[in-house]
Amino acid sequence: MKYNTLIIPIDYVYSHKVTQADIIIDDEYLTLIEGTVLDSGKNVVANAGIEIIEIKKDDNKERTLGCIFTDSQGEYAFTLNINPKCYYKFKLYSKI
């Protein structure tokens, strides 16, 4: 299984109401996406929200697929049925 890491600096997250990460996955199959949300001190962020958005490649129309939250250890996991005609965007919302 191949893993990639995406790190968004916490200063960026705190200076914006919404932090967006665009992830492009080329293969058409069910994919497990898992990770841990950390702050700049590498401390876990419990109860952070992650919105999953599908974007059509042909017209850039966005559709929210759902939202998940990190657990008490800052961890999250979900499966995504990849559509090769779409891109995916994940918005991170820090805890209130």
PDB file of N, CA and C in Angstrom:
ATOM      1  N   MET A   1       0.834  -1.164   0.000  1.00  0.00           N
ATOM      2  CA  MET A   1       0.000   0.000   0.000  1.00  0.00           C
ATOM      3  C   MET A   1       0.887   1.237   0.000  1.00  0.00           C
ATOM      4  N   LYS A   2       0.607   2.194  -0.854  1.00  0.00           N
ATOM      5  CA  LYS A   2       1.405   3.408  -0.980  1.00  0.00           C
ATOM      6  C   LYS A   2       0.805   4.520  -0.126  1.00  0.00           C
ATOM      7  N   TYR A   3       1.651   5.220   0.623  1.00  0.00           N
ATOM      8  CA  TYR A   3       1.218   6.321   1.473  1.00  0.00           C
ATOM      9  C   TYR A   3       1.894   7.612   1.034  1.00  0.00           C
ATOM     10  N   ASN A   4       1.163   8.705   1.125  1.00  0.00           N
ATOM     11  CA  ASN A   4       1.717  10.036   0.916  1.00  0.00           C
ATOM     12  C   ASN A   4       1.322  10.884   2.117  1.00  0.00           C
ATOM     13  N   THR A   5       2.119  11.875   2.433  1.00  0.00           N
ATOM     14  CA  THR A   5       1.849  12.747   3.570  1.00  0.00           C
ATOM     15  C   THR A   5       1.582  14.157   3.073  1.00  0.00           C
ATOM     16  N   LEU A   6       0.553  14.771   3.620  1.00  0.00           N
ATOM     17  CA  LEU A   6       0.226  16.153   3.317  1.00  0.00           C
ATOM     18  C   LEU A   6       0.281  16.926   4.621  1.00  0.00           C
ATOM     19  N   ILE A   7       1.123  17.958   4.686  1.00  0.00           N
ATOM     20  CA  ILE A   7       1.259  18.758   5.900  1.00  0.00           C
ATOM     21  C   ILE A   7       0.858  20.191   5.577  1.00  0.00           C
ATOM     22  N   ILE A   8      -0.091  20.717   6.342  1.00  0.00           N
ATOM     23  CA  ILE A   8      -0.515  22.111   6.210  1.00  0.00           C
ATOM     24  C   ILE A   8      -0.037  22.830   7.460  1.00  0.00           C
ATOM     25  N   PRO A   9       0.786  23.878   7.314  1.00  0.00           N
ATOM     26  CA  PRO A   9       1.316  24.594   8.479  1.00  0.00           C
ATOM     27  C   PRO A   9       0.196  25.157   9.351  1.00  0.00           C
ATOM     28  N   ILE A  10       0.314  25.004  10.662  1.00  0.00           N
ATOM     29  CA  ILE A  10      -0.727  25.444  11.587  1.00  0.00           C
ATOM     30  C   ILE A  10      -0.923  26.951  11.537  1.00  0.00           C
ATOM     31  N   ASP A  11       0.128  27.731  11.253  1.00  0.00           N
ATOM     32  CA  ASP A  11      -0.022  29.182  11.128  1.00  0.00           C
ATOM     33  C   ASP A  11      -1.002  29.530  10.014  1.00  0.00           C
ATOM     34  N   TYR A  12      -0.947  28.761   8.942  1.00  0.00           N
ATOM     35  CA  TYR A  12      -1.884  28.971   7.837  1.00  0.00           C
ATOM     36  C   TYR A  12      -3.308  28.651   8.285  1.00  0.00           C
ATOM     37  N   VAL A  13      -3.456  27.549   9.008  1.00  0.00           N
ATOM     38  CA  VAL A  13      -4.781  27.136   9.478  1.00  0.00           C
ATOM     39  C   VAL A  13      -5.379  28.194  10.388  1.00  0.00           C
ATOM     40  N   TYR A  14      -4.598  28.717  11.323  1.00  0.00           N
ATOM     41  CA  TYR A  14      -5.118  29.700  12.273  1.00  0.00           C
ATOM     42  C   TYR A  14      -5.384  31.057  11.635  1.00  0.00           C
ATOM     43  N   SER A  15      -4.721  31.377  10.537  1.00  0.00           N
ATOM     44  CA  SER A  15      -4.945  32.675   9.910  1.00  0.00           C
ATOM     45  C   SER A  15      -6.063  32.643   8.866  1.00  0.00           C
ATOM     46  N   HIS A  16      -6.684  31.501   8.647  1.00  0.00           N
ATOM     47  CA  HIS A  16      -7.795  31.352   7.708  1.00  0.00           C
ATOM     48  C   HIS A  16      -8.954  30.637   8.404  1.00  0.00           C
ATOM     49  N   LYS A  17     -10.176  31.053   8.116  1.00  0.00           N
ATOM     50  CA  LYS A  17     -11.339  30.384   8.717  1.00  0.00           C
ATOM     51  C   LYS A  17     -11.478  28.960   8.199  1.00  0.00           C
ATOM     52  N   VAL A  18     -11.098  28.744   6.940  1.00  0.00           N
ATOM     53  CA  VAL A  18     -11.183  27.421   6.328  1.00  0.00           C
ATOM     54  C   VAL A  18      -9.840  27.109   5.690  1.00  0.00           C
ATOM     55  N   THR A  19      -9.326  25.911   5.935  1.00  0.00           N
ATOM     56  CA  THR A  19      -8.108  25.453   5.284  1.00  0.00           C
ATOM     57  C   THR A  19      -8.498  24.378   4.290  1.00  0.00           C
ATOM     58  N   GLN A  20      -7.999  24.489   3.078  1.00  0.00           N
ATOM     59  CA  GLN A  20      -8.406  23.587   2.012  1.00  0.00           C
ATOM     60  C   GLN A  20      -7.207  22.798   1.514  1.00  0.00           C
ATOM     61  N   ALA A  21      -7.387  21.502   1.325  1.00  0.00           N
ATOM     62  CA  ALA A  21      -6.353  20.661   0.730  1.00  0.00           C
ATOM     63  C   ALA A  21      -6.961  19.958  -0.476  1.00  0.00           C
ATOM     64  N   ASP A  22      -6.415  20.193  -1.656  1.00  0.00           N
ATOM     65  CA  ASP A  22      -6.886  19.517  -2.861  1.00  0.00           C
ATOM     66  C   ASP A  22      -6.041  18.281  -3.080  1.00  0.00           C
ATOM     67  N   ILE A  23      -6.707  17.135  -3.168  1.00  0.00           N
ATOM     68  CA  ILE A  23      -6.007  15.870  -3.355  1.00  0.00           C
ATOM     69  C   ILE A  23      -6.544  15.223  -4.628  1.00  0.00           C
ATOM     70  N   ILE A  24      -5.654  14.857  -5.529  1.00  0.00           N
ATOM     71  CA  ILE A  24      -6.051  14.223  -6.784  1.00  0.00           C
ATOM     72  C   ILE A  24      -5.619  12.767  -6.738  1.00  0.00           C
ATOM     73  N   ILE A  25      -6.578  11.871  -6.935  1.00  0.00           N
ATOM     74  CA  ILE A  25      -6.322  10.435  -6.920  1.00  0.00           C
ATOM     75  C   ILE A  25      -6.740   9.895  -8.283  1.00  0.00           C
ATOM     76  N   ASP A  26      -5.819   9.266  -8.998  1.00  0.00           N
ATOM     77  CA  ASP A  26      -6.082   8.863 -10.374  1.00  0.00           C
ATOM     78  C   ASP A  26      -6.808   7.526 -10.527  1.00  0.00           C
ATOM     79  N   ASP A  27      -6.695   6.651  -9.574  1.00  0.00           N
ATOM     80  CA  ASP A  27      -7.246   5.306  -9.724  1.00  0.00           C
ATOM     81  C   ASP A  27      -8.730   5.268  -9.389  1.00  0.00           C
ATOM     82  N   GLU A  28      -9.456   4.369 -10.082  1.00  0.00           N
ATOM     83  CA  GLU A  28     -10.890   4.242  -9.864  1.00  0.00           C
ATOM     84  C   GLU A  28     -11.157   3.008  -8.994  1.00  0.00           C
ATOM     85  N   TYR A  29     -11.285   3.209  -7.711  1.00  0.00           N
ATOM     86  CA  TYR A  29     -11.638   2.150  -6.787  1.00  0.00           C
ATOM     87  C   TYR A  29     -11.884   2.763  -5.420  1.00  0.00           C
ATOM     88  N   LEU A  30     -12.342   1.953  -4.500  1.00  0.00           N
ATOM     89  CA  LEU A  30     -12.598   2.416  -3.146  1.00  0.00           C
ATOM     90  C   LEU A  30     -11.273   2.620  -2.432  1.00  0.00           C
ATOM     91  N   THR A  31     -11.085   3.801  -1.883  1.00  0.00           N
ATOM     92  CA  THR A  31      -9.827   4.162  -1.258  1.00  0.00           C
ATOM     93  C   THR A  31     -10.041   4.497   0.203  1.00  0.00           C
ATOM     94  N   LEU A  32      -9.170   3.986   1.064  1.00  0.00           N
ATOM     95  CA  LEU A  32      -9.187   4.343   2.480  1.00  0.00           C
ATOM     96  C   LEU A  32      -8.286   5.553   2.667  1.00  0.00           C
ATOM     97  N   ILE A  33      -8.844   6.602   3.236  1.00  0.00           N
ATOM     98  CA  ILE A  33      -8.077   7.808   3.549  1.00  0.00           C
ATOM     99  C   ILE A  33      -8.073   7.934   5.063  1.00  0.00           C
ATOM    100  N   GLU A  34      -6.884   7.973   5.630  1.00  0.00           N
ATOM    101  CA  GLU A  34      -6.759   8.051   7.081  1.00  0.00           C
ATOM    102  C   GLU A  34      -5.617   8.986   7.442  1.00  0.00           C
ATOM    103  N   GLY A  35      -5.680   9.524   8.636  1.00  0.00           N
ATOM    104  CA  GLY A  35      -4.613  10.411   9.046  1.00  0.00           C
ATOM    105  C   GLY A  35      -4.834  10.935  10.445  1.00  0.00           C
ATOM    106  N   THR A  36      -3.979  11.864  10.832  1.00  0.00           N
ATOM    107  CA  THR A  36      -4.028  12.499  12.138  1.00  0.00           C
ATOM    108  C   THR A  36      -3.858  13.992  11.933  1.00  0.00           C
ATOM    109  N   VAL A  37      -4.708  14.793  12.587  1.00  0.00           N
ATOM    110  CA  VAL A  37      -4.583  16.243  12.535  1.00  0.00           C
ATOM    111  C   VAL A  37      -3.735  16.677  13.722  1.00  0.00           C
ATOM    112  N   LEU A  38      -2.654  17.422  13.428  1.00  0.00           N
ATOM    113  CA  LEU A  38      -1.724  17.895  14.446  1.00  0.00           C
ATOM    114  C   LEU A  38      -1.612  19.413  14.379  1.00  0.00           C
ATOM    115  N   ASP A  39      -1.326  20.044  15.504  1.00  0.00           N
ATOM    116  CA  ASP A  39      -1.056  21.479  15.506  1.00  0.00           C
ATOM    117  C   ASP A  39       0.433  21.704  15.278  1.00  0.00           C
ATOM    118  N   SER A  40       0.872  22.962  15.325  1.00  0.00           N
ATOM    119  CA  SER A  40       2.273  23.266  15.022  1.00  0.00           C
ATOM    120  C   SER A  40       3.251  22.654  16.014  1.00  0.00           C
ATOM    121  N   GLY A  41       2.780  22.353  17.232  1.00  0.00           N
ATOM    122  CA  GLY A  41       3.625  21.698  18.227  1.00  0.00           C
ATOM    123  C   GLY A  41       3.563  20.187  18.136  1.00  0.00           C
ATOM    124  N   LYS A  42       2.959  19.693  17.073  1.00  0.00           N
ATOM    125  CA  LYS A  42       2.771  18.258  16.828  1.00  0.00           C
ATOM    126  C   LYS A  42       1.889  17.598  17.883  1.00  0.00           C
ATOM    127  N   ASN A  43       0.971  18.390  18.463  1.00  0.00           N
ATOM    128  CA  ASN A  43      -0.039  17.863  19.379  1.00  0.00           C
ATOM    129  C   ASN A  43      -1.283  17.514  18.581  1.00  0.00           C
ATOM    130  N   VAL A  44      -1.950  16.438  18.961  1.00  0.00           N
ATOM    131  CA  VAL A  44      -3.151  16.034  18.235  1.00  0.00           C
ATOM    132  C   VAL A  44      -4.259  17.069  18.420  1.00  0.00           C
ATOM    133  N   VAL A  45      -5.112  17.201  17.412  1.00  0.00           N
ATOM    134  CA  VAL A  45      -6.249  18.112  17.465  1.00  0.00           C
ATOM    135  C   VAL A  45      -7.522  17.268  17.464  1.00  0.00           C
ATOM    136  N   ALA A  46      -8.105  17.131  18.649  1.00  0.00           N
ATOM    137  CA  ALA A  46      -9.349  16.374  18.773  1.00  0.00           C
ATOM    138  C   ALA A  46     -10.515  17.214  18.267  1.00  0.00           C
ATOM    139  N   ASN A  47     -11.517  16.562  17.730  1.00  0.00           N
ATOM    140  CA  ASN A  47     -12.769  17.186  17.285  1.00  0.00           C
ATOM    141  C   ASN A  47     -12.599  18.183  16.143  1.00  0.00           C
ATOM    142  N   ALA A  48     -11.544  18.076  15.364  1.00  0.00           N
ATOM    143  CA  ALA A  48     -11.407  18.901  14.157  1.00  0.00           C
ATOM    144  C   ALA A  48     -12.356  18.333  13.106  1.00  0.00           C
ATOM    145  N   GLY A  49     -12.989  19.211  12.340  1.00  0.00           N
ATOM    146  CA  GLY A  49     -13.919  18.767  11.299  1.00  0.00           C
ATOM    147  C   GLY A  49     -13.233  18.704   9.943  1.00  0.00           C
ATOM    148  N   ILE A  50     -13.607  17.708   9.146  1.00  0.00           N
ATOM    149  CA  ILE A  50     -13.085  17.561   7.794  1.00  0.00           C
ATOM    150  C   ILE A  50     -14.282  17.388   6.862  1.00  0.00           C
ATOM    151  N   GLU A  51     -14.429  18.325   5.919  1.00  0.00           N
ATOM    152  CA  GLU A  51     -15.503  18.264   4.928  1.00  0.00           C
ATOM    153  C   GLU A  51     -14.936  17.641   3.661  1.00  0.00           C
ATOM    154  N   ILE A  52     -15.631  16.639   3.091  1.00  0.00           N
ATOM    155  CA  ILE A  52     -15.190  15.957   1.881  1.00  0.00           C
ATOM    156  C   ILE A  52     -16.037  16.474   0.721  1.00  0.00           C
ATOM    157  N   ILE A  53     -15.368  17.017  -0.306  1.00  0.00           N
ATOM    158  CA  ILE A  53     -16.057  17.637  -1.437  1.00  0.00           C
ATOM    159  C   ILE A  53     -15.575  16.994  -2.736  1.00  0.00           C
ATOM    160  N   GLU A  54     -16.514  16.644  -3.599  1.00  0.00           N
ATOM    161  CA  GLU A  54     -16.212  16.099  -4.915  1.00  0.00           C
ATOM    162  C   GLU A  54     -16.375  17.225  -5.944  1.00  0.00           C
ATOM    163  N   ILE A  55     -15.415  17.365  -6.867  1.00  0.00           N
ATOM    164  CA  ILE A  55     -15.450  18.410  -7.880  1.00  0.00           C
ATOM    165  C   ILE A  55     -15.379  17.761  -9.261  1.00  0.00           C
ATOM    166  N   LYS A  56     -16.387  18.015 -10.099  1.00  0.00           N
ATOM    167  CA  LYS A  56     -16.380  17.476 -11.462  1.00  0.00           C
ATOM    168  C   LYS A  56     -15.295  18.155 -12.281  1.00  0.00           C
ATOM    169  N   LYS A  57     -14.513  17.353 -13.018  1.00  0.00           N
ATOM    170  CA  LYS A  57     -13.423  17.890 -13.831  1.00  0.00           C
ATOM    171  C   LYS A  57     -13.926  18.734 -15.003  1.00  0.00           C
ATOM    172  N   ASP A  58     -15.081  18.371 -15.559  1.00  0.00           N
ATOM    173  CA  ASP A  58     -15.544  19.063 -16.762  1.00  0.00           C
ATOM    174  C   ASP A  58     -16.126  20.451 -16.503  1.00  0.00           C
ATOM    175  N   ASP A  59     -16.779  20.658 -15.351  1.00  0.00           N
ATOM    176  CA  ASP A  59     -17.401  21.966 -15.099  1.00  0.00           C
ATOM    177  C   ASP A  59     -17.072  22.556 -13.728  1.00  0.00           C
ATOM    178  N   ASN A  60     -16.210  21.890 -12.980  1.00  0.00           N
ATOM    179  CA  ASN A  60     -15.802  22.340 -11.633  1.00  0.00           C
ATOM    180  C   ASN A  60     -16.961  22.465 -10.652  1.00  0.00           C
ATOM    181  N   LYS A  61     -18.057  21.773 -10.906  1.00  0.00           N
ATOM    182  CA  LYS A  61     -19.191  21.793  -9.982  1.00  0.00           C
ATOM    183  C   LYS A  61     -18.832  20.999  -8.729  1.00  0.00           C
ATOM    184  N   GLU A  62     -19.065  21.624  -7.570  1.00  0.00           N
ATOM    185  CA  GLU A  62     -18.721  20.992  -6.292  1.00  0.00           C
ATOM    186  C   GLU A  62     -19.949  20.374  -5.635  1.00  0.00           C
ATOM    187  N   ARG A  63     -19.703  19.245  -4.947  1.00  0.00           N
ATOM    188  CA  ARG A  63     -20.762  18.572  -4.191  1.00  0.00           C
ATOM    189  C   ARG A  63     -20.157  18.043  -2.901  1.00  0.00           C
ATOM    190  N   THR A  64     -20.734  18.446  -1.771  1.00  0.00           N
ATOM    191  CA  THR A  64     -20.252  17.944  -0.485  1.00  0.00           C
ATOM    192  C   THR A  64     -20.729  16.509  -0.309  1.00  0.00           C
ATOM    193  N   LEU A  65     -19.783  15.615  -0.055  1.00  0.00           N
ATOM    194  CA  LEU A  65     -20.114  14.204   0.155  1.00  0.00           C
ATOM    195  C   LEU A  65     -20.391  13.905   1.621  1.00  0.00           C
ATOM    196  N   GLY A  66     -19.781  14.677   2.516  1.00  0.00           N
ATOM    197  CA  GLY A  66     -19.997  14.444   3.938  1.00  0.00           C
ATOM    198  C   GLY A  66     -18.947  15.146   4.775  1.00  0.00           C
ATOM    199  N   CYS A  67     -19.123  15.036   6.067  1.00  0.00           N
ATOM    200  CA  CYS A  67     -18.191  15.616   7.032  1.00  0.00           C
ATOM    201  C   CYS A  67     -17.864  14.563   8.083  1.00  0.00           C
ATOM    202  N   ILE A  68     -16.630  14.595   8.548  1.00  0.00           N
ATOM    203  CA  ILE A  68     -16.213  13.701   9.628  1.00  0.00           C
ATOM    204  C   ILE A  68     -15.457  14.536  10.652  1.00  0.00           C
ATOM    205  N   PHE A  69     -15.234  13.955  11.823  1.00  0.00           N
ATOM    206  CA  PHE A  69     -14.505  14.635  12.883  1.00  0.00           C
ATOM    207  C   PHE A  69     -13.408  13.722  13.402  1.00  0.00           C
ATOM    208  N   THR A  70     -12.326  14.347  13.851  1.00  0.00           N
ATOM    209  CA  THR A  70     -11.256  13.560  14.438  1.00  0.00           C
ATOM    210  C   THR A  70     -11.691  13.056  15.811  1.00  0.00           C
ATOM    211  N   ASP A  71     -11.086  11.957  16.218  1.00  0.00           N
ATOM    212  CA  ASP A  71     -11.395  11.413  17.546  1.00  0.00           C
ATOM    213  C   ASP A  71     -10.522  12.103  18.598  1.00  0.00           C
ATOM    214  N   SER A  72     -10.519  11.581  19.806  1.00  0.00           N
ATOM    215  CA  SER A  72      -9.760  12.201  20.904  1.00  0.00           C
ATOM    216  C   SER A  72      -8.251  12.167  20.667  1.00  0.00           C
ATOM    217  N   GLN A  73      -7.799  11.331  19.734  1.00  0.00           N
ATOM    218  CA  GLN A  73      -6.375  11.245  19.396  1.00  0.00           C
ATOM    219  C   GLN A  73      -6.047  12.009  18.108  1.00  0.00           C
ATOM    220  N   GLY A  74      -7.009  12.783  17.601  1.00  0.00           N
ATOM    221  CA  GLY A  74      -6.801  13.546  16.370  1.00  0.00           C
ATOM    222  C   GLY A  74      -6.845  12.708  15.108  1.00  0.00           C
ATOM    223  N   GLU A  75      -7.259  11.453  15.235  1.00  0.00           N
ATOM    224  CA  GLU A  75      -7.263  10.538  14.090  1.00  0.00           C
ATOM    225  C   GLU A  75      -8.610  10.547  13.374  1.00  0.00           C
ATOM    226  N   TYR A  76      -8.557  10.282  12.071  1.00  0.00           N
ATOM    227  CA  TYR A  76      -9.769  10.154  11.259  1.00  0.00           C
ATOM    228  C   TYR A  76      -9.514   9.093  10.195  1.00  0.00           C
ATOM    229  N   ALA A  77     -10.590   8.542   9.674  1.00  0.00           N
ATOM    230  CA  ALA A  77     -10.506   7.578   8.578  1.00  0.00           C
ATOM    231  C   ALA A  77     -11.863   7.523   7.892  1.00  0.00           C
ATOM    232  N   PHE A  78     -11.821   7.391   6.577  1.00  0.00           N
ATOM    233  CA  PHE A  78     -13.052   7.205   5.814  1.00  0.00           C
ATOM    234  C   PHE A  78     -12.695   6.552   4.488  1.00  0.00           C
ATOM    235  N   THR A  79     -13.684   5.942   3.862  1.00  0.00           N
ATOM    236  CA  THR A  79     -13.479   5.370   2.543  1.00  0.00           C
ATOM    237  C   THR A  79     -14.146   6.273   1.522  1.00  0.00           C
ATOM    238  N   LEU A  80     -13.570   6.292   0.335  1.00  0.00           N
ATOM    239  CA  LEU A  80     -14.061   7.147  -0.731  1.00  0.00           C
ATOM    240  C   LEU A  80     -14.091   6.335  -2.012  1.00  0.00           C
ATOM    241  N   ASN A  81     -15.272   6.295  -2.646  1.00  0.00           N
ATOM    242  CA  ASN A  81     -15.396   5.627  -3.930  1.00  0.00           C
ATOM    243  C   ASN A  81     -14.948   6.613  -4.997  1.00  0.00           C
ATOM    244  N   ILE A  82     -13.743   6.440  -5.489  1.00  0.00           N
ATOM    245  CA  ILE A  82     -13.116   7.392  -6.395  1.00  0.00           C
ATOM    246  C   ILE A  82     -13.803   7.386  -7.757  1.00  0.00           C
ATOM    247  N   ASN A  83     -14.185   8.568  -8.217  1.00  0.00           N
ATOM    248  CA  ASN A  83     -14.749   8.752  -9.547  1.00  0.00           C
ATOM    249  C   ASN A  83     -13.656   9.385 -10.411  1.00  0.00           C
ATOM    250  N   PRO A  84     -13.213   8.735 -11.486  1.00  0.00           N
ATOM    251  CA  PRO A  84     -12.114   9.272 -12.291  1.00  0.00           C
ATOM    252  C   PRO A  84     -12.464  10.584 -13.001  1.00  0.00           C
ATOM    253  N   LYS A  85     -13.737  10.945 -13.014  1.00  0.00           N
ATOM    254  CA  LYS A  85     -14.155  12.197 -13.651  1.00  0.00           C
ATOM    255  C   LYS A  85     -14.209  13.349 -12.656  1.00  0.00           C
ATOM    256  N   CYS A  86     -13.682  13.108 -11.449  1.00  0.00           N
ATOM    257  CA  CYS A  86     -13.750  14.124 -10.398  1.00  0.00           C
ATOM    258  C   CYS A  86     -12.413  14.291  -9.692  1.00  0.00           C
ATOM    259  N   TYR A  87     -12.276  15.463  -9.056  1.00  0.00           N
ATOM    260  CA  TYR A  87     -11.207  15.734  -8.100  1.00  0.00           C
ATOM    261  C   TYR A  87     -11.853  15.735  -6.724  1.00  0.00           C
ATOM    262  N   TYR A  88     -11.049  15.711  -5.697  1.00  0.00           N
ATOM    263  CA  TYR A  88     -11.577  15.742  -4.333  1.00  0.00           C
ATOM    264  C   TYR A  88     -10.879  16.818  -3.532  1.00  0.00           C
ATOM    265  N   LYS A  89     -11.662  17.502  -2.719  1.00  0.00           N
ATOM    266  CA  LYS A  89     -11.145  18.582  -1.892  1.00  0.00           C
ATOM    267  C   LYS A  89     -11.553  18.296  -0.451  1.00  0.00           C
ATOM    268  N   PHE A  90     -10.636  18.533   0.470  1.00  0.00           N
ATOM    269  CA  PHE A  90     -10.900  18.322   1.878  1.00  0.00           C
ATOM    270  C   PHE A  90     -10.691  19.648   2.602  1.00  0.00           C
ATOM    271  N   LYS A  91     -11.713  20.100   3.310  1.00  0.00           N
ATOM    272  CA  LYS A  91     -11.608  21.339   4.100  1.00  0.00           C
ATOM    273  C   LYS A  91     -11.496  20.960   5.566  1.00  0.00           C
ATOM    274  N   LEU A  92     -10.504  21.536   6.216  1.00  0.00           N
ATOM    275  CA  LEU A  92     -10.254  21.273   7.630  1.00  0.00           C
ATOM    276  C   LEU A  92     -10.774  22.426   8.458  1.00  0.00           C
ATOM    277  N   TYR A  93     -11.601  22.120   9.442  1.00  0.00           N
ATOM    278  CA  TYR A  93     -12.127  23.112  10.370  1.00  0.00           C
ATOM    279  C   TYR A  93     -11.575  22.786  11.756  1.00  0.00           C
ATOM    280  N   SER A  94     -10.859  23.722  12.341  1.00  0.00           N
ATOM    281  CA  SER A  94     -10.304  23.456  13.674  1.00  0.00           C
ATOM    282  C   SER A  94     -11.429  23.476  14.698  1.00  0.00           C
ATOM    283  N   LYS A  95     -11.172  22.860  15.838  1.00  0.00           N
ATOM    284  CA  LYS A  95     -12.199  22.795  16.878  1.00  0.00           C
ATOM    285  C   LYS A  95     -12.533  24.195  17.373  1.00  0.00           C
ATOM    286  N   ILE A  96     -13.738  24.339  17.884  1.00  0.00           N
ATOM    287  CA  ILE A  96     -14.204  25.649  18.382  1.00  0.00           C
ATOM    288  C   ILE A  96     -13.639  25.901  19.744  1.00  0.00           C
TER     289      ILE A  96
END
